[in-house]
C-alpha atoms as a PDB file:
ATOM      1  CA  MET A   1       0.241   0.044  -0.049  1.00  0.00           C
ATOM      2  CA  THR A   2       1.329   3.679  -0.769  1.00  0.00           C
ATOM      3  CA  GLY A   3      -0.374   6.814   0.534  1.00  0.00           C
ATOM      4  CA  TYR A   4       0.606   9.734   2.336  1.00  0.00           C
ATOM      5  CA  ARG A   5       0.288  10.795   6.103  1.00  0.00           C
ATOM      6  CA  ASP A   6       0.262  13.321   8.564  1.00  0.00           C
ATOM      7  CA  MET A   7       3.535  13.099  10.439  1.00  0.00           C
ATOM      8  CA  CYS A   8       3.089  15.900  12.622  1.00  0.00           C
ATOM      9  CA  CYS A   9       4.688  16.181  15.833  1.00  0.00           C
ATOM     10  CA  GLY A  10       3.888  19.064  17.173  1.00  0.00           C
ATOM     11  CA  CYS A  11       6.767  21.210  17.252  1.00  0.00           C
ATOM     12  CA  ALA A  12       5.750  24.241  16.088  1.00  0.00           C
ATOM     13  CA  ALA A  13       6.120  27.135  18.287  1.00  0.00           C
ATOM     14  CA  PRO A  14       2.307  27.427  19.880  1.00  0.00           C
ATOM     15  CA  GLY A  15       0.517  30.141  18.135  1.00  0.00           C
ATOM     16  CA  TYR A  16       1.986  29.056  14.463  1.00  0.00           C
ATOM     17  CA  PRO A  17       0.833  27.152  12.103  1.00  0.00           C
ATOM     18  CA  CYS A  18       2.875  23.990  10.519  1.00  0.00           C
ATOM     19  CA  THR A  19       2.479  25.064   6.784  1.00  0.00           C
ATOM     20  CA  ARG A  20       5.622  24.207   5.526  1.00  0.00           C
ATOM     21  CA  CYS A  21       7.055  21.006   7.954  1.00  0.00           C
ATOM     22  CA  ASN A  22       8.062  18.154   5.418  1.00  0.00           C
ATOM     23  CA  LEU A  23       6.344  15.812   8.157  1.00  0.00           C
ATOM     24  CA  ARG A  24       2.767  17.014   7.317  1.00  0.00           C
ATOM     25  CA  ASN A  25       2.921  14.926   4.012  1.00  0.00           C
ATOM     26  CA  VAL A  26       4.289  12.312   4.187  1.00  0.00           C
ATOM     27  CA  PHE A  27       4.469   9.792   1.491  1.00  0.00           C
ATOM     28  CA  TYR A  28       4.599   5.676   2.810  1.00  0.00           C
ATOM     29  CA  LEU A  29       5.040   2.261   1.162  1.00  0.00           C
ATOM     30  CA  GLU A  30       3.766  -1.008   3.284  1.00  0.00           C
ATOM     31  CA  CYS A  31       3.267  -4.399   2.918  1.00  0.00           C
ATOM     32  CA  ASP A  32      -0.410  -5.257   2.115  1.00  0.00           C
ATOM     33  CA  ASN A  33       0.561  -8.160   4.324  1.00  0.00           C
ATOM     34  CA  CYS A  34       2.707  -7.540   6.885  1.00  0.00           C
ATOM     35  CA  GLY A  35       2.981  -4.267   6.921  1.00  0.00           C
ATOM     36  CA  ALA A  36       7.022  -3.639   6.361  1.00  0.00           C
ATOM     37  CA  ASP A  37       8.137  -0.583   4.864  1.00  0.00           C
ATOM     38  CA  GLU A  38      10.553  -1.268   2.507  1.00  0.00           C
ATOM     39  CA  LYS A  39      10.366  -2.285  -1.139  1.00  0.00           C
ATOM     40  CA  LEU A  40       7.592  -3.713  -2.164  1.00  0.00           C
ATOM     41  CA  TYR A  41       6.189  -5.643  -5.670  1.00  0.00           C
ATOM     42  CA  ARG A  42       3.048  -5.708  -7.043  1.00  0.00           C
ATOM     43  CA  VAL A  43       1.833  -9.367  -7.388  1.00  0.00           C
ATOM     44  CA  GLY A  44      -2.176  -9.081  -8.639  1.00  0.00           C
ATOM     45  CA  ASP A  45      -3.799  -6.476  -6.729  1.00  0.00           C
ATOM     46  CA  LYS A  46      -1.406  -6.328  -3.682  1.00  0.00           C
ATOM     47  CA  GLU A  47       1.724  -4.998  -2.779  1.00  0.00           C
ATOM     48  CA  LEU A  48       4.140  -6.904  -0.893  1.00  0.00           C
ATOM     49  CA  CYS A  49       7.674  -6.826   0.611  1.00  0.00           C
ATOM     50  CA  ALA A  50      10.170  -9.561  -0.835  1.00  0.00           C
ATOM     51  CA  ASP A  51       9.512 -11.638   1.963  1.00  0.00           C
ATOM     52  CA  CYS A  52       5.072 -12.288   1.228  1.00  0.00           C
ATOM     53  CA  VAL A  53       5.950 -12.178  -2.174  1.00  0.00           C
ATOM     54  CA  ARG A  54       7.898 -15.518  -2.167  1.00  0.00           C
ATOM     55  CA  GLU A  55       4.801 -16.529   0.335  1.00  0.00           C
ATOM     56  CA  ALA A  56       2.507 -15.555  -2.239  1.00  0.00           C
ATOM     57  CA  VAL A  57       3.865 -17.504  -4.975  1.00  0.00           C
ATOM     58  CA  ASP A  58       3.676 -21.010  -5.034  1.00  0.00           C
ATOM     59  CA  TYR A  59       7.203 -22.699  -4.406  1.00  0.00           C
ATOM     60  CA  ILE A  60       8.225 -25.602  -6.226  1.00  0.00           C
ATOM     61  CA  PRO A  61      12.053 -26.900  -3.638  1.00  0.00           C
ATOM     62  CA  GLU A  62      12.214 -30.344  -5.959  1.00  0.00           C
ATOM     63  CA  GLU A  63      12.849 -27.557  -8.792  1.00  0.00           C
ATOM     64  CA  ASP A  64      14.181 -25.214  -6.436  1.00  0.00           C
ATOM     65  CA  ALA A  65      11.651 -22.968  -8.817  1.00  0.00           C
ATOM     66  CA  TYR A  66       8.468 -20.649  -8.582  1.00  0.00           C
ATOM     67  CA  PHE A  67       5.481 -20.701 -10.147  1.00  0.00           C
ATOM     68  CA  TYR A  68       4.460 -17.976 -11.115  1.00  0.00           C
ATOM     69  CA  GLU A  69       1.858 -16.841 -14.955  1.00  0.00           C
ATOM     70  CA  GLY A  70       1.744 -20.360 -16.146  1.00  0.00           C
ATOM     71  CA  GLU A  71       6.276 -20.343 -15.219  1.00  0.00           C
ATOM     72  CA  MET A  72       8.916 -22.161 -13.748  1.00  0.00           C
ATOM     73  CA  LEU A  73      11.366 -19.643 -12.657  1.00  0.00           C
ATOM     74  CA  THR A  74      13.935 -18.780 -10.302  1.00  0.00           C
ATOM     75  CA  GLU A  75      13.787 -16.248  -7.765  1.00  0.00           C
ATOM     76  CA  ASP A  76      15.787 -13.779  -9.526  1.00  0.00           C
ATOM     77  CA  GLU A  77      13.385 -14.243 -12.652  1.00  0.00           C
ATOM     78  CA  LEU A  78      10.259 -14.244 -10.200  1.00  0.00           C
ATOM     79  CA  PHE A  79      12.098 -10.537  -8.644  1.00  0.00           C
ATOM     80  CA  GLU A  80      12.819  -9.963 -12.330  1.00  0.00           C
ATOM     81  CA  ARG A  81       9.255  -9.816 -13.911  1.00  0.00           C
ATOM     82  CA  LEU A  82       7.149  -8.547 -11.014  1.00  0.00           C
ATOM     83  CA  GLU A  83       6.127  -4.574 -11.444  1.00  0.00           C
ATOM     84  CA  GLU A  84       8.627  -2.485  -8.326  1.00  0.00           C
ATOM     85  CA  VAL A  85       6.040  -0.116  -6.428  1.00  0.00           C
ATOM     86  CA  GLU A  86       7.658   3.582  -7.173  1.00  0.00           C
ATOM     87  CA  TYR A  87       9.245   5.723  -4.178  1.00  0.00           C
ATOM     88  CA  GLU A  88       7.488   9.117  -4.958  1.00  0.00           C
ATOM     89  CA  ASP A  89       9.106  11.996  -3.937  1.00  0.00           C
END
């Protein structure tokens, strides 16, 4: 999940609004499954961290590969195939 949060810490002097503070509108990335705030990948309609991707995609131990969209892929191939969620500045 991505979005913007108000991370105001209340540091403005009393009587002065904090209109220019960079904490008022902070972009965040958060795994839809576990809430981790790290690099995310799109899997279907979800945005998942690497650990949750590994859990969500079928792993075939005998092949040491992942079965994704009808193909057997190594872990590197899987992550190359997935779309990375972009961090906005």
